[in-house]
Protein backbone atom coordinates (compact mmCIF):
# COMPACT_ATOMS: atom_id res chain seq x y z
CA MET A 1 -41.08 19.06 42.67
CA THR A 2 -41.08 18.35 46.37
CA HIS A 3 -39.13 15.25 47.43
CA HIS A 4 -41.23 12.61 49.15
CA GLY A 5 -38.97 11.39 51.92
CA ARG A 6 -38.92 10.22 55.51
CA PRO A 7 -38.10 12.23 58.63
CA LEU A 8 -34.74 11.16 59.99
CA HIS A 9 -34.56 13.14 63.22
CA PRO A 10 -36.82 14.66 65.88
CA TYR A 11 -35.62 18.19 66.71
CA GLN A 12 -37.12 17.98 70.19
CA ARG A 13 -34.46 15.44 71.18
CA ILE A 14 -31.75 18.10 71.23
CA CYS A 15 -33.92 20.18 73.60
CA ARG A 16 -33.79 17.37 76.17
CA GLU A 17 -30.02 17.58 76.37
CA ARG A 18 -30.26 21.29 77.18
CA VAL A 19 -32.30 20.58 80.31
CA GLU A 20 -30.34 17.48 81.36
CA TYR A 21 -33.17 15.17 80.28
CA GLN A 22 -35.55 16.39 82.97
CA LYS A 23 -39.31 16.61 82.48
CA GLN A 24 -40.47 20.11 81.56
CA SER A 25 -43.61 21.81 82.83
CA PRO A 26 -45.49 24.33 80.65
CA SER A 27 -46.14 26.56 83.67
CA HIS A 28 -42.98 28.63 83.13
CA HIS A 29 -43.79 29.05 79.46
CA ILE A 30 -47.28 30.25 80.34
CA GLU A 31 -45.69 32.81 82.67
CA TYR A 32 -43.44 34.07 79.84
CA LEU A 33 -46.40 34.21 77.43
CA ASN A 34 -48.27 36.39 79.93
CA MET A 35 -45.21 38.65 80.08
CA TYR A 36 -45.23 38.87 76.30
CA LEU A 37 -48.90 39.87 76.28
CA ARG A 38 -48.09 42.69 78.69
CA ILE A 39 -45.41 44.19 76.46
CA ALA A 40 -46.77 43.29 72.99
CA PRO A 41 -48.85 46.49 72.48
CA ASP A 42 -45.74 48.61 73.07
CA LEU A 43 -43.74 46.72 70.42
CA VAL A 44 -45.74 48.03 67.45
CA PRO A 45 -43.68 50.75 65.68
CA LYS A 46 -45.62 54.00 65.74
CA HIS A 47 -43.20 56.21 63.84
CA ASP A 48 -43.21 54.53 60.40
CA ASP A 49 -46.32 53.52 58.44
CA ASP A 50 -44.19 51.37 56.11
CA LEU A 51 -43.29 49.04 58.98
CA THR A 52 -46.91 48.45 59.98
CA ARG A 53 -48.57 48.05 56.57
CA PRO A 54 -50.26 44.64 56.08
CA SER A 55 -48.09 42.19 54.15
CA ILE A 56 -48.36 38.63 52.87
CA ARG A 57 -45.30 36.45 52.53
CA HIS A 58 -44.50 32.84 51.66
CA PRO A 59 -43.98 31.01 54.98
CA ASP A 60 -41.43 28.42 53.80
CA LEU A 61 -39.34 29.83 50.97
CA GLN A 62 -36.91 27.00 50.26
CA PRO A 63 -35.80 25.30 47.01
CA ASN A 64 -38.37 22.48 47.08
CA ASN A 65 -41.20 25.02 47.01
CA VAL A 66 -39.94 27.04 44.03
CA PHE A 67 -40.62 26.05 40.40
CA VAL A 68 -37.95 27.21 37.94
CA SER A 69 -38.11 26.97 34.12
CA GLN A 70 -35.36 25.83 31.77
CA ASP A 71 -34.63 29.53 31.25
CA LEU A 72 -34.05 29.95 35.01
CA GLU A 73 -37.22 31.98 35.47
CA ILE A 74 -39.38 31.45 38.57
CA THR A 75 -42.72 30.09 37.34
CA GLY A 76 -44.46 29.25 40.60
CA LEU A 77 -44.41 28.86 44.38
CA ILE A 78 -46.18 26.07 46.26
CA ASP A 79 -47.03 25.32 49.91
CA TRP A 80 -48.76 28.54 50.92
CA GLN A 81 -51.02 26.85 53.48
CA HIS A 82 -49.46 28.46 56.56
CA CYS A 83 -49.15 32.00 55.25
CA ALA A 84 -50.61 34.88 57.24
CA ILE A 85 -51.23 38.59 56.73
CA LEU A 86 -49.07 40.47 59.23
CA PRO A 87 -47.43 43.90 59.56
CA LEU A 88 -44.24 44.19 57.56
CA PHE A 89 -42.04 44.46 60.66
CA LEU A 90 -43.14 40.91 61.59
CA GLN A 91 -42.89 39.51 58.04
CA ALA A 92 -39.44 40.79 57.09
CA GLY A 93 -36.45 38.52 57.48
CA ILE A 94 -34.17 36.16 55.60
CA PRO A 95 -35.78 32.79 54.75
CA GLY A 96 -34.37 29.95 56.83
CA SER A 97 -32.86 28.17 53.82
CA LEU A 98 -30.91 31.32 52.88
CA GLN A 99 -29.88 32.92 56.20
CA ASN A 100 -26.54 32.26 57.87
CA TYR A 101 -26.93 34.04 61.21
CA GLY A 102 -24.29 33.17 63.78
CA ASP A 103 -21.53 33.58 61.21
CA ALA A 104 -19.49 36.77 61.74
CA VAL A 105 -18.79 37.28 58.02
CA SER A 106 -22.47 36.97 57.11
CA GLU A 107 -23.68 39.23 59.90
CA SER A 108 -21.17 41.92 58.93
CA LEU A 109 -22.42 41.77 55.31
CA GLU A 110 -18.82 41.48 54.17
CA ASN A 111 -18.54 40.22 50.58
CA PRO A 112 -17.71 36.50 51.13
CA ARG A 113 -14.61 34.97 49.56
CA LEU A 114 -12.61 31.77 49.80
CA PRO A 115 -9.59 31.97 52.17
CA ALA A 116 -6.31 33.16 50.64
CA ASP A 117 -4.65 29.76 51.29
CA PHE A 118 -7.50 27.77 49.69
CA ASP A 119 -5.27 26.17 47.02
CA GLU A 120 -2.85 24.88 49.68
CA GLN A 121 -5.58 23.12 51.72
CA ASP A 122 -6.38 19.42 51.43
CA GLU A 123 -9.49 18.22 49.59
CA ALA A 124 -11.61 17.75 52.72
CA GLU A 125 -10.86 21.27 53.99
CA GLN A 126 -11.50 22.75 50.54
CA LEU A 127 -14.93 21.10 50.43
CA LYS A 128 -15.70 22.50 53.88
CA GLN A 129 -14.66 26.01 52.81
CA VAL A 130 -16.76 25.79 49.63
CA LEU A 131 -19.84 24.86 51.68
CA VAL A 132 -19.19 27.75 54.10
CA LEU A 133 -18.77 30.12 51.15
CA ARG A 134 -22.08 28.96 49.64
CA LYS A 135 -23.97 29.71 52.88
CA ARG A 136 -22.34 33.12 53.13
CA GLN A 137 -23.10 33.95 49.50
CA LEU A 138 -26.79 33.06 49.89
CA HIS A 139 -27.09 35.29 52.97
CA TYR A 140 -25.11 38.14 51.42
CA ASN A 141 -26.89 38.16 48.05
CA TYR A 142 -30.35 37.96 49.63
CA VAL A 143 -29.68 41.01 51.80
CA LYS A 144 -27.96 43.00 49.05
CA GLU A 145 -30.69 42.29 46.48
CA THR A 146 -33.36 43.15 49.04
CA MET A 147 -31.62 46.47 49.61
CA ARG A 148 -31.64 47.14 45.86
CA LEU A 149 -35.09 45.88 44.91
CA CYS A 150 -37.25 46.42 48.00
CA PRO A 151 -36.13 49.30 50.24
CA SER A 152 -39.15 49.03 52.56
CA HIS A 153 -38.40 45.35 53.25
CA ASP A 154 -34.74 46.18 53.73
CA LYS A 155 -35.63 48.80 56.33
CA ALA A 156 -37.46 46.20 58.44
CA LEU A 157 -34.91 43.49 57.65
CA VAL A 158 -31.85 45.17 59.15
CA ASP A 159 -33.49 47.26 61.88
CA SER A 160 -32.28 45.89 65.23
CA PRO A 161 -35.52 46.53 67.18
CA CYS A 162 -37.52 44.84 64.39
CA ILE A 163 -35.27 41.78 64.56
CA LEU A 164 -36.00 41.40 68.29
CA ARG A 165 -39.73 42.04 67.74
CA ARG A 166 -39.81 39.19 65.19
CA LYS A 167 -37.96 36.82 67.50
CA LEU A 168 -40.37 37.55 70.32
CA PHE A 169 -43.40 37.09 68.07
CA ARG A 170 -42.07 33.84 66.62
CA HIS A 171 -41.14 32.27 69.96
CA ALA A 172 -44.44 33.35 71.53
CA SER A 173 -46.43 31.97 68.58
CA GLU A 174 -44.76 28.58 68.18
CA PRO A 175 -46.34 25.49 69.78
CA TRP A 176 -44.59 24.67 73.04
CA GLU A 177 -42.35 21.61 72.68
CA GLY A 178 -40.51 21.71 75.97
CA ASP A 179 -38.32 24.73 75.24
CA SER A 180 -39.10 27.87 77.25
CA VAL A 181 -35.55 29.21 77.24
CA ALA A 182 -35.75 30.92 73.85
CA LEU A 183 -38.77 33.05 74.76
CA LYS A 184 -37.36 33.92 78.19
CA THR A 185 -34.04 34.96 76.64
CA ASP A 186 -35.88 37.24 74.20
CA LEU A 187 -37.77 38.83 77.09
CA VAL A 188 -34.53 39.39 79.00
CA GLU A 189 -33.06 41.03 75.92
CA LEU A 190 -36.19 43.15 75.57
CA THR A 191 -35.74 44.58 79.09
CA LYS A 192 -32.23 45.66 78.10
CA GLN A 193 -33.31 47.25 74.80
CA TRP A 194 -36.63 48.67 76.04
CA PRO A 195 -35.88 52.37 75.32
CA ALA A 196 -35.06 51.55 71.67
CA LEU A 197 -38.14 49.37 71.21
CA VAL A 198 -40.90 51.67 72.43
CA SER A 199 -42.12 54.94 70.98
CA PRO A 200 -41.05 58.12 72.79
CA THR A 201 -43.49 59.57 75.31
CA PRO A 202 -44.79 63.16 74.96
CA ASP A 203 -42.53 64.07 77.87
CA PRO A 204 -38.99 62.73 77.22
CA SER A 205 -38.13 63.25 80.89
CA GLN A 206 -40.72 60.61 81.84
CA PRO A 207 -40.12 57.59 79.58
CA LYS A 208 -42.46 54.64 79.85
CA LYS A 209 -41.17 52.00 82.25
CA CYS A 210 -40.86 48.42 81.03
CA PRO A 211 -43.76 46.45 82.58
CA ILE A 212 -41.68 43.29 83.10
CA GLU A 213 -38.37 42.73 84.84
CA PHE A 214 -35.90 40.00 85.76
CA SER A 215 -33.40 39.82 88.58
CA THR A 216 -29.72 39.90 87.69
CA GLN A 217 -29.47 36.23 88.58
CA GLU A 218 -32.48 35.28 86.42
CA ALA A 219 -31.12 37.22 83.45
CA SER A 220 -27.64 35.67 83.78
CA GLU A 221 -29.06 32.15 84.03
CA ALA A 222 -31.27 32.69 80.96
CA LEU A 223 -28.29 33.91 78.94
CA ARG A 224 -26.18 30.99 80.16
CA LEU A 225 -28.82 28.48 79.07
CA ALA A 226 -29.21 30.27 75.73
CA ALA A 227 -25.47 29.96 75.09
CA ALA A 228 -25.61 26.25 75.96
CA MET A 229 -28.55 25.83 73.59
CA GLU A 230 -26.68 27.58 70.82
CA ALA A 231 -23.68 25.29 71.29
CA ALA A 232 -25.95 22.22 71.29
CA ASP A 233 -27.69 23.46 68.15
CA SER A 234 -24.34 23.92 66.42
CA THR A 235 -23.34 20.35 67.27
CA PHE A 236 -26.74 19.11 66.16
CA GLN A 237 -26.50 20.89 62.80
CA SER A 238 -23.04 19.40 62.25
CA CYS A 239 -24.50 15.94 62.83
CA LEU A 240 -27.28 16.63 60.31
CA GLU A 241 -24.75 17.71 57.70
CA ILE A 242 -22.66 14.58 58.26
CA VAL A 243 -25.69 12.34 57.85
CA GLY A 244 -27.09 14.28 54.90
CA VAL A 245 -30.30 15.73 56.32
CA GLY A 246 -31.43 18.76 54.30
CA PRO A 247 -32.41 22.17 55.74
CA GLU A 248 -36.08 21.14 55.76
CA GLY A 249 -35.28 18.20 58.09
CA TRP A 250 -36.12 15.44 55.62
CA VAL A 251 -34.18 12.91 53.57
CA PRO A 252 -35.41 12.08 50.04
CA ALA A 253 -36.52 8.44 49.86
CA GLU A 254 -33.77 7.51 47.40
CA GLN A 255 -31.11 8.82 49.83
CA TYR A 256 -32.58 7.36 53.01
CA ALA A 257 -30.51 4.14 53.05
CA ASP A 258 -27.25 6.07 52.55
CA ALA A 259 -28.23 8.52 55.28
CA ARG A 260 -28.91 5.64 57.67
CA ARG A 261 -25.49 4.14 56.96
CA CYS A 262 -23.85 7.52 57.66
CA GLU A 263 -25.85 7.79 60.89
CA GLU A 264 -24.73 4.32 62.04
CA LYS A 265 -21.08 5.18 61.38
CA LEU A 266 -21.46 8.50 63.23
CA LYS A 267 -22.95 6.67 66.21
CA ALA A 268 -20.16 4.07 66.24
CA ASP A 269 -17.47 6.78 66.05
CA THR A 270 -19.16 8.81 68.79
CA LEU A 271 -19.43 5.81 71.13
CA GLU A 272 -15.79 4.95 70.48
CA ASP A 273 -14.77 8.45 71.61
CA ALA A 274 -16.79 8.23 74.86
CA GLU A 275 -14.59 8.77 77.92
CA SER A 276 -16.52 6.51 80.31
CA GLU A 277 -19.12 3.76 80.41
CA GLU A 278 -21.64 6.19 81.90
CA GLU A 279 -21.11 8.63 79.03
CA ARG A 280 -21.48 5.76 76.57
CA ARG A 281 -24.72 4.64 78.24
CA GLN A 282 -26.15 8.14 78.05
CA MET A 283 -25.22 8.37 74.36
CA VAL A 284 -27.01 5.11 73.58
CA GLU A 285 -30.09 5.99 75.62
CA HIS A 286 -30.41 9.53 74.22
CA TRP A 287 -28.99 9.15 70.71
CA ILE A 288 -30.39 12.04 68.69
CA PHE A 289 -31.45 9.95 65.68
CA SER A 290 -33.26 7.22 67.62
CA ASP A 291 -37.04 7.02 67.86
CA PHE A 292 -38.43 8.20 71.19
CA ASP A 293 -41.62 9.07 73.01
CA GLU A 294 -41.34 12.82 73.53
CA THR A 295 -44.20 12.80 76.04
CA GLU A 296 -41.77 11.31 78.54
CA TYR A 297 -40.03 14.69 78.70
CA LEU A 298 -43.00 17.05 78.65
């Protein structure tokens, strides 16, 4: 059954840090959406009917939405309300609760193992390594079983152009919440991978030119911001793990009080480590777990 809990954090708060807490205008995002519309027709694979066949897929495949019997058989899936019929190349992918992108071991599809010196590590480090291993195993086993059981899904899952196509589609489809960097970064990456993304022209000596472009400075700045966002996200996820927020962003009601106590201790420890009064003031004013009016930043 699904836990009935309370939201403990607003994800948008971390986006404010990325842009130094400045108000964000949607005008840039509209510009990037128009760029996406210009290149979208060319992103449809034309060489493989498997990749374009209509598919339906559960939109939020995570443990709370899966019913399992005492015999460990899947008996049902709930929460289908946001599903859509899309081409396979846009549906394929590892569910968010199972993927571990950003981890070199997971992305290499190396069989995950505990470190050789695991038995010599202290209890806290062992717990950390066990949690890392669990994430890697989920990612690894999902990909390997997909390869074995569903070759057509596997083909779209690991194909590099399809991965970028899905990122572009997702970031262009999501409601705008003050973050235009992700979509712009995808578009920059698209201009670099354009020959691999589009179908060959009848005359190979005259390939189709990418209809969008960025200056070297624009591309570098987008990649710099993306790296800063990734670092902020990593810090944010670490904070969620310390407090006890699950992958779906909620805390079960029976764990809410404990999560709040962990959050208060995290805040006290963070403020104690501040290097100046100004840094401490900024932490208090923009603490990621505090309530806030997001319209102040949009």
